[in-house]
Protein backbone atom coordinates (compact mmCIF):
# COMPACT_ATOMS: atom_id res chain seq x y z
CA MET A 1 18.71 -4.59 -5.89
CA LYS A 2 16.75 -6.64 -3.21
CA LEU A 3 13.23 -6.10 -4.60
CA HIS A 4 10.69 -8.41 -2.77
CA TYR A 5 13.38 -9.30 -0.21
CA TYR A 6 11.42 -7.75 2.73
CA ILE A 7 7.91 -8.40 1.66
CA GLU A 8 6.77 -10.27 4.66
CA ASP A 9 8.42 -7.98 7.13
CA ILE A 10 6.97 -5.01 5.38
CA ILE A 11 3.32 -6.54 5.49
CA GLN A 12 3.69 -7.42 9.06
CA VAL A 13 5.07 -3.97 10.11
CA CYS A 14 2.01 -2.41 8.21
CA ASP A 15 -0.59 -4.66 9.92
CA SER A 16 -3.03 -2.45 11.76
CA ASN A 17 -0.86 0.43 11.22
CA HIS A 18 -0.64 3.65 9.41
CA LEU A 19 2.90 4.29 8.42
CA THR A 20 4.69 6.56 6.10
CA ALA A 21 7.47 4.84 3.89
CA GLU A 22 9.98 6.40 6.03
CA GLU A 23 8.46 4.97 9.28
CA VAL A 24 8.22 1.56 7.53
CA PHE A 25 11.93 1.88 6.45
CA GLU A 26 13.12 2.69 10.15
CA LYS A 27 11.11 -0.43 11.37
CA ILE A 28 12.50 -2.89 8.66
CA LYS A 29 16.10 -1.25 9.36
CA GLU A 30 15.87 -2.49 12.92
CA LYS A 31 15.63 -6.08 12.00
CA HIS A 32 17.56 -5.93 8.57
CA LYS A 33 20.67 -3.62 9.01
CA ASP A 34 21.43 -3.96 5.35
CA ALA A 35 18.16 -2.53 4.17
CA TRP A 36 18.03 -0.07 1.52
CA LYS A 37 15.43 2.72 1.49
CA SER A 38 14.93 2.36 -2.28
CA SER A 39 14.00 -1.44 -2.07
CA ILE A 40 11.58 -0.72 0.83
CA TYR A 41 9.99 1.97 -1.14
CA ARG A 42 9.78 -0.13 -4.27
CA ASN A 43 8.19 -3.06 -2.14
CA LEU A 44 5.87 -0.59 -0.79
CA GLU A 45 4.59 0.70 -4.18
CA ASP A 46 4.38 -2.81 -5.63
CA LEU A 47 2.31 -4.31 -2.71
CA SER A 48 -0.12 -1.30 -2.91
CA ARG A 49 -0.65 -2.07 -6.62
CA LYS A 50 -1.46 -5.59 -5.97
CA TRP A 51 -3.95 -4.52 -3.11
CA ILE A 52 -1.81 -6.38 -0.36
CA LEU A 53 -1.28 -2.80 1.12
CA ARG A 54 -3.51 -0.06 1.11
CA LYS A 55 -1.86 3.31 0.08
CA VAL A 56 -3.47 6.05 1.96
CA GLU A 57 -2.59 9.24 0.23
CA GLY A 58 -2.98 13.11 0.70
CA LEU A 59 -2.91 13.32 4.47
CA GLY A 60 -0.92 16.22 5.65
CA LYS A 61 1.09 16.08 2.39
CA LYS A 62 2.20 12.49 3.17
CA THR A 63 1.22 8.97 1.98
CA TYR A 64 0.61 6.26 4.74
CA PHE A 65 0.61 2.35 4.05
CA GLU A 66 -1.65 -0.23 5.91
CA LYS A 67 -2.31 -3.87 5.41
CA ASP A 68 -5.44 -3.94 3.26
CA LYS A 69 -7.95 -6.27 5.12
CA TRP A 70 -11.46 -4.94 4.30
CA ASN A 71 -12.98 -1.79 2.79
CA HIS A 72 -13.31 0.87 5.39
CA VAL A 73 -13.42 4.45 5.83
CA HIS A 74 -10.51 6.44 7.23
CA LEU A 75 -11.47 9.19 9.80
CA VAL A 76 -8.75 11.95 9.86
CA ASP A 77 -8.17 14.41 12.72
CA THR A 78 -7.13 17.52 10.94
CA THR A 79 -5.31 18.71 14.17
CA THR A 80 -3.07 15.97 14.50
CA TRP A 81 -3.53 14.03 11.26
CA GLU A 82 -4.15 10.86 13.28
CA ILE A 83 -5.86 8.25 11.11
CA VAL A 84 -8.55 6.06 12.65
CA ASP A 85 -10.06 3.00 10.82
CA PHE A 86 -13.93 3.03 10.89
CA CYS A 87 -15.95 0.28 9.24
CA PRO A 88 -19.66 0.91 8.98
CA LEU A 89 -21.96 -2.15 9.05
CA LYS A 90 -22.67 -1.98 5.30
CA PHE A 91 -21.52 0.23 2.52
CA ASP A 92 -24.41 0.99 0.08
CA THR A 93 -22.89 0.59 -3.38
CA SER A 94 -26.37 0.53 -5.29
CA PHE A 95 -25.58 3.80 -6.60
CA LEU A 96 -22.78 2.55 -8.52
CA PRO A 97 -23.39 1.80 -12.42
CA SER A 98 -24.48 -2.03 -13.02
CA ASN A 99 -21.56 -2.49 -15.47
CA PHE A 100 -18.95 -1.46 -12.57
CA SER A 101 -17.33 -3.88 -10.42
CA LEU A 102 -16.02 -2.59 -7.34
CA GLU A 103 -12.63 -3.86 -6.34
CA ASN A 104 -11.45 -1.29 -3.65
CA MET A 105 -12.25 1.97 -2.28
CA ASP A 106 -10.45 4.91 -0.62
CA LEU A 107 -12.82 7.03 1.49
CA LYS A 108 -11.68 9.45 4.14
CA PHE A 109 -13.61 11.80 6.45
CA PHE A 110 -11.68 14.93 7.86
CA GLY A 111 -12.54 16.55 11.07
CA LYS A 112 -11.48 16.82 14.70
CA ILE A 113 -11.50 13.71 17.16
CA GLU A 114 -12.69 14.79 20.68
CA LYS A 115 -10.40 13.09 23.21
CA ASN A 116 -12.46 12.01 26.30
């Protein structure tokens, strides 16, 4: 089992991308012919638990991974399931209970993205 063997490559592949586990595996396989799908999947899960990768769930019955750089919103096109990162200037978290410390968030807006 090569757990953690491909971590740096996985993080690089997921940087500024929204990829499924299968897509990550295919990209890692291009560089590491001996890569095992189960190793890649375990690493993706472990990296998302550590907030190194963001796990974006529930989009078209798929889960996507991206490098977790900042708290941002995902705009999801319900026609193509394309995911676009959107970062408002400031998130208003004043409504949260005072005894709650925000660590991360997952907010998605679903709609149609008009192509110009």
